[in-house]
N, C-alpha and C. Protein backbone atom coordinates (compact mmCIF):
# COMPACT_ATOMS: atom_id res chain seq x y z
N MET A 1 0.69 -0.98 -0.11
CA MET A 1 -0.06 -0.10 -0.22
C MET A 1 0.95 1.38 -0.45
N HIS A 2 0.31 2.03 -0.56
CA HIS A 2 1.26 3.52 -0.79
C HIS A 2 0.81 4.35 0.06
N GLN A 3 1.34 4.46 0.93
CA GLN A 3 0.76 5.43 2.35
C GLN A 3 0.86 7.06 2.40
N ASP A 4 1.64 7.14 1.09
CA ASP A 4 1.33 8.99 0.66
C ASP A 4 0.12 8.74 -0.29
N THR A 5 -1.10 8.03 -0.46
CA THR A 5 -1.88 8.19 -1.74
C THR A 5 -3.17 7.83 -0.37
N ARG A 6 -4.15 8.42 -0.80
CA ARG A 6 -5.34 8.41 -0.22
C ARG A 6 -6.27 8.59 -0.92
N ARG A 7 -7.20 7.69 -0.42
CA ARG A 7 -9.21 8.30 -1.25
C ARG A 7 -10.01 8.30 -0.32
N LEU A 8 -10.68 9.97 -0.81
CA LEU A 8 -11.51 10.20 0.21
C LEU A 8 -13.51 9.79 -1.08
N SER A 9 -14.55 9.46 -0.77
CA SER A 9 -15.37 9.50 -1.48
C SER A 9 -16.70 9.04 -0.91
N LEU A 10 -17.23 10.00 -0.98
CA LEU A 10 -18.68 9.48 -0.08
C LEU A 10 -19.48 9.49 -1.39
N LEU A 11 -20.89 8.48 -0.57
CA LEU A 11 -22.32 8.44 -1.68
C LEU A 11 -23.43 9.14 -0.93
N THR A 12 -24.37 10.15 -1.26
CA THR A 12 -25.29 10.55 -0.83
C THR A 12 -26.19 9.56 -0.77
N PRO A 13 -27.38 9.21 0.21
CA PRO A 13 -27.99 8.81 1.02
C PRO A 13 -29.64 9.40 -0.05
N SER A 14 -30.24 10.21 -1.15
CA SER A 14 -31.03 11.26 -1.39
C SER A 14 -32.12 10.33 -2.07
N GLU A 15 -31.49 8.68 -2.33
CA GLU A 15 -31.86 7.71 -3.25
C GLU A 15 -32.19 6.30 -3.42
N HIS A 16 -32.10 5.47 -3.61
CA HIS A 16 -31.58 4.58 -3.82
C HIS A 16 -30.40 4.32 -4.62
N LEU A 17 -29.68 3.95 -4.22
CA LEU A 17 -28.72 2.67 -5.13
C LEU A 17 -28.75 2.23 -6.89
N THR A 18 -28.40 3.05 -7.60
CA THR A 18 -28.50 2.15 -9.11
C THR A 18 -27.20 0.71 -9.53
N LEU A 19 -27.64 0.65 -10.79
CA LEU A 19 -26.54 -0.47 -11.38
C LEU A 19 -25.76 1.27 -11.41
N GLY A 20 -26.03 2.24 -12.00
CA GLY A 20 -24.72 3.12 -12.41
C GLY A 20 -23.93 3.44 -10.76
N ASN A 21 -25.26 3.80 -10.01
CA ASN A 21 -24.33 4.24 -9.02
C ASN A 21 -22.92 2.58 -8.58
N TYR A 22 -22.88 1.55 -8.25
CA TYR A 22 -21.96 -0.10 -8.97
C TYR A 22 -21.14 0.52 -9.27
N LEU A 23 -21.89 0.75 -11.03
CA LEU A 23 -19.79 0.55 -12.10
C LEU A 23 -18.98 1.71 -11.10
N GLY A 24 -19.63 3.31 -11.28
CA GLY A 24 -19.16 3.89 -11.24
C GLY A 24 -18.40 4.55 -10.08
N ALA A 25 -18.80 4.28 -8.99
CA ALA A 25 -19.48 5.05 -7.69
C ALA A 25 -18.42 2.94 -6.10
N LEU A 26 -19.09 2.16 -6.38
CA LEU A 26 -18.88 1.08 -5.31
C LEU A 26 -17.69 0.23 -6.40
N ARG A 27 -17.75 -0.04 -7.49
CA ARG A 27 -16.62 -1.76 -8.18
C ARG A 27 -15.53 -0.61 -7.68
N PRO A 28 -15.32 0.32 -7.79
CA PRO A 28 -14.19 1.70 -8.00
C PRO A 28 -13.40 1.30 -6.22
N MET A 29 -14.23 1.75 -5.66
CA MET A 29 -14.65 1.93 -4.30
C MET A 29 -13.15 0.79 -4.09
N THR A 30 -14.36 -0.96 -4.34
CA THR A 30 -13.51 -1.99 -3.73
C THR A 30 -12.37 -2.22 -3.94
N LEU A 31 -12.54 -2.45 -5.74
CA LEU A 31 -11.20 -1.67 -6.15
C LEU A 31 -9.67 -1.31 -5.25
N HIS A 32 -10.52 -0.29 -4.68
CA HIS A 32 -8.34 1.17 -4.70
C HIS A 32 -8.62 1.00 -3.32
N GLN A 33 -9.79 -0.37 -2.07
CA GLN A 33 -9.49 -0.58 -0.22
C GLN A 33 -7.92 -0.74 -0.64
N HIS A 34 -7.61 -2.40 -1.18
CA HIS A 34 -6.57 -2.83 -1.37
C HIS A 34 -4.67 -1.99 -1.79
N GLN A 35 -5.09 -1.48 -2.61
CA GLN A 35 -4.33 -0.13 -3.02
C GLN A 35 -3.74 1.62 -2.19
N VAL A 36 -4.35 1.83 -1.43
CA VAL A 36 -4.40 2.75 -1.17
C VAL A 36 -5.36 3.06 -0.56
N ALA A 37 -4.57 4.09 0.66
CA ALA A 37 -5.34 4.36 1.90
C ALA A 37 -6.42 4.74 1.59
N CYS A 38 -8.44 4.24 2.33
CA CYS A 38 -9.11 4.35 1.59
C CYS A 38 -10.20 5.06 3.08
N PHE A 39 -10.40 6.35 2.68
CA PHE A 39 -11.81 6.38 3.69
C PHE A 39 -13.48 6.56 2.66
N PHE A 40 -14.53 5.91 3.32
CA PHE A 40 -15.30 5.92 2.68
C PHE A 40 -16.57 6.56 3.19
N GLY A 41 -17.62 7.07 2.84
CA GLY A 41 -18.40 7.42 4.07
C GLY A 41 -19.81 7.58 3.11
N ILE A 42 -20.97 7.94 4.07
CA ILE A 42 -22.25 7.93 3.82
C ILE A 42 -23.11 9.45 4.24
N SER A 43 -22.98 10.40 3.45
CA SER A 43 -22.72 12.20 3.28
C SER A 43 -23.84 12.71 3.77
N ASP A 44 -24.69 11.70 5.12
CA ASP A 44 -26.27 11.86 5.00
C ASP A 44 -26.33 13.07 5.36
N LEU A 45 -25.60 14.16 6.40
CA LEU A 45 -25.48 15.15 6.26
C LEU A 45 -25.68 16.49 5.03
N HIS A 46 -25.84 15.80 3.61
CA HIS A 46 -26.01 16.95 2.59
C HIS A 46 -27.14 16.01 2.23
N ALA A 47 -27.79 14.94 2.23
CA ALA A 47 -29.23 14.93 2.31
C ALA A 47 -29.80 14.96 2.51
N MET A 48 -29.50 15.72 4.16
CA MET A 48 -30.47 16.65 4.74
C MET A 48 -30.51 17.97 4.45
N THR A 49 -30.06 18.86 3.45
CA THR A 49 -30.21 20.28 2.64
C THR A 49 -31.19 20.26 1.81
N ALA A 50 -31.82 18.38 1.53
CA ALA A 50 -33.41 19.44 0.32
C ALA A 50 -34.08 18.43 1.07
N ALA A 51 -35.51 18.32 0.86
CA ALA A 51 -36.56 18.43 1.83
C ALA A 51 -36.55 16.93 1.76
N HIS A 52 -36.78 16.17 2.79
CA HIS A 52 -36.96 14.62 2.94
C HIS A 52 -37.41 14.55 4.03
N HIS A 53 -38.39 13.33 4.81
CA HIS A 53 -38.51 12.69 5.30
C HIS A 53 -38.08 11.97 6.45
N PRO A 54 -38.16 12.24 7.68
CA PRO A 54 -37.06 11.39 8.50
C PRO A 54 -36.60 9.72 8.44
N ALA A 55 -38.28 9.20 9.14
CA ALA A 55 -37.82 7.69 8.63
C ALA A 55 -37.52 7.15 7.40
N THR A 56 -37.74 7.59 6.32
CA THR A 56 -36.93 7.41 4.79
C THR A 56 -35.66 7.59 4.20
N LEU A 57 -34.86 9.11 5.26
CA LEU A 57 -33.80 8.94 4.95
C LEU A 57 -32.76 8.04 6.00
N ARG A 58 -33.34 7.73 6.78
CA ARG A 58 -33.01 7.01 7.80
C ARG A 58 -33.20 4.31 7.02
N THR A 59 -34.18 4.73 6.46
CA THR A 59 -34.09 3.80 5.51
C THR A 59 -32.55 3.72 4.46
N LEU A 60 -33.29 4.84 3.76
CA LEU A 60 -32.12 5.01 2.71
C LEU A 60 -30.72 4.72 3.95
N ILE A 61 -29.95 4.95 4.69
CA ILE A 61 -28.72 4.83 5.31
C ILE A 61 -28.38 3.43 6.13
N THR A 62 -28.96 3.24 6.09
CA THR A 62 -29.24 1.82 6.20
C THR A 62 -29.13 0.79 5.63
N GLU A 63 -30.18 1.09 4.05
CA GLU A 63 -29.76 0.74 2.95
C GLU A 63 -28.12 0.43 1.75
N MET A 64 -27.87 1.34 2.07
CA MET A 64 -26.85 2.15 1.92
C MET A 64 -25.18 1.77 2.30
N ARG A 65 -25.57 1.47 3.81
CA ARG A 65 -24.75 0.64 4.15
C ARG A 65 -24.30 -1.04 4.31
N THR A 66 -25.66 -0.70 4.54
CA THR A 66 -25.71 -2.42 3.89
C THR A 66 -25.01 -2.76 2.40
N LEU A 67 -25.73 -2.42 1.72
CA LEU A 67 -24.71 -2.37 0.56
C LEU A 67 -23.50 -2.51 -0.16
N MET A 68 -23.11 -1.09 0.46
CA MET A 68 -21.78 -1.18 0.19
C MET A 68 -21.04 -1.93 1.33
N LEU A 69 -21.58 -2.94 2.03
CA LEU A 69 -20.56 -4.47 2.85
C LEU A 69 -21.00 -5.40 2.16
N ALA A 70 -22.01 -5.12 1.59
CA ALA A 70 -22.08 -6.20 0.44
C ALA A 70 -22.13 -6.07 -1.13
N CYS A 71 -21.22 -5.49 -1.51
CA CYS A 71 -20.70 -4.81 -2.11
C CYS A 71 -18.73 -5.15 -2.93
N GLY A 72 -18.75 -5.42 -1.40
CA GLY A 72 -17.45 -6.03 -0.35
C GLY A 72 -16.44 -4.89 -0.43
N LEU A 73 -17.18 -3.68 0.17
CA LEU A 73 -16.15 -3.31 1.24
C LEU A 73 -15.78 -3.84 2.54
N ASP A 74 -14.37 -3.43 2.89
CA ASP A 74 -14.02 -4.38 4.01
C ASP A 74 -13.81 -3.22 5.14
N PRO A 75 -14.09 -3.28 6.03
CA PRO A 75 -13.88 -2.15 6.85
C PRO A 75 -12.78 -2.99 8.11
N THR A 76 -11.89 -3.57 7.37
CA THR A 76 -10.52 -3.64 7.86
C THR A 76 -9.48 -3.61 6.76
N HIS A 77 -10.07 -2.99 6.12
CA HIS A 77 -9.48 -2.04 4.57
C HIS A 77 -9.52 -1.19 4.73
N ALA A 78 -10.51 -0.05 4.96
CA ALA A 78 -10.95 0.65 4.25
C ALA A 78 -11.27 1.77 5.43
N THR A 79 -10.90 2.80 5.87
CA THR A 79 -12.34 2.86 6.78
C THR A 79 -13.37 4.09 5.93
N LEU A 80 -14.43 2.98 7.07
CA LEU A 80 -16.04 3.26 6.61
C LEU A 80 -16.56 4.83 7.62
N PHE A 81 -17.23 5.34 7.44
CA PHE A 81 -18.21 6.39 8.18
C PHE A 81 -19.29 7.06 7.27
N ARG A 82 -20.33 7.04 9.17
CA ARG A 82 -21.06 7.83 8.72
C ARG A 82 -20.96 9.49 8.64
N ARG A 83 -21.00 10.46 7.62
CA ARG A 83 -20.74 11.71 8.16
C ARG A 83 -21.35 12.80 9.80
N THR A 84 -22.52 12.20 9.94
CA THR A 84 -22.87 12.97 10.98
C THR A 84 -22.60 12.46 12.19
N ARG A 85 -22.72 10.87 12.00
CA ARG A 85 -21.22 10.35 13.69
C ARG A 85 -19.68 10.73 13.80
N SER A 86 -19.23 11.55 13.08
CA SER A 86 -17.55 12.12 12.64
C SER A 86 -17.54 13.28 13.30
N SER A 87 -16.92 13.55 13.59
CA SER A 87 -16.28 14.83 14.10
C SER A 87 -15.78 15.88 12.47
N PRO A 88 -17.03 16.80 12.76
CA PRO A 88 -16.24 17.60 11.74
C PRO A 88 -15.03 18.38 11.97
N THR A 89 -14.77 18.44 13.21
CA THR A 89 -13.10 18.75 13.21
C THR A 89 -11.76 18.44 13.39
N CYS A 90 -12.33 17.69 14.18
CA CYS A 90 -10.93 16.04 14.71
C CYS A 90 -10.79 15.65 13.87
N TRP A 91 -10.24 14.66 12.47
CA TRP A 91 -10.19 14.02 11.81
C TRP A 91 -9.23 13.04 12.11
N SER A 92 -8.67 13.41 13.35
CA SER A 92 -7.45 12.70 13.66
C SER A 92 -7.85 11.03 14.55
N ALA A 93 -9.61 11.49 14.67
CA ALA A 93 -10.10 10.34 15.72
C ALA A 93 -11.05 9.62 14.51
N PRO A 94 -10.84 8.70 14.35
CA PRO A 94 -10.92 8.00 13.37
C PRO A 94 -13.17 8.26 13.16
N PRO A 95 -13.35 8.18 12.48
CA PRO A 95 -14.82 7.86 12.04
C PRO A 95 -16.02 7.13 12.33
N THR A 96 -16.84 7.22 12.94
CA THR A 96 -17.93 5.91 13.38
C THR A 96 -18.43 5.26 11.89
N TRP A 97 -18.50 4.12 12.13
CA TRP A 97 -19.44 3.38 11.05
C TRP A 97 -20.88 2.92 11.77
N ALA A 98 -20.70 2.79 13.05
CA ALA A 98 -22.05 3.21 13.19
C ALA A 98 -23.50 3.54 13.45
N SER A 99 -24.71 3.12 13.13
CA SER A 99 -25.51 4.03 13.16
C SER A 99 -25.57 4.86 14.51
């Protein structure tokens, strides 16, 4: 692994994931997690900037987290996190993946 290279990618849970999300984001994310230091997350904070129903947003977040793991993202090879569960000012502490 190249320690001087990092990758940050976030997905916004505004709708259900599609084949395009898999081909364009999730598949490359699963490949890169073994090559460089990776930080992959759910940008749920951005989903809250538009009108939303809280229960629907919670469902989409859970679905997205489950599908990210099902697609092959491995928490032992990449840092997985949910934006609202991580500190906005202190990135030295590892963000949490827990709901």
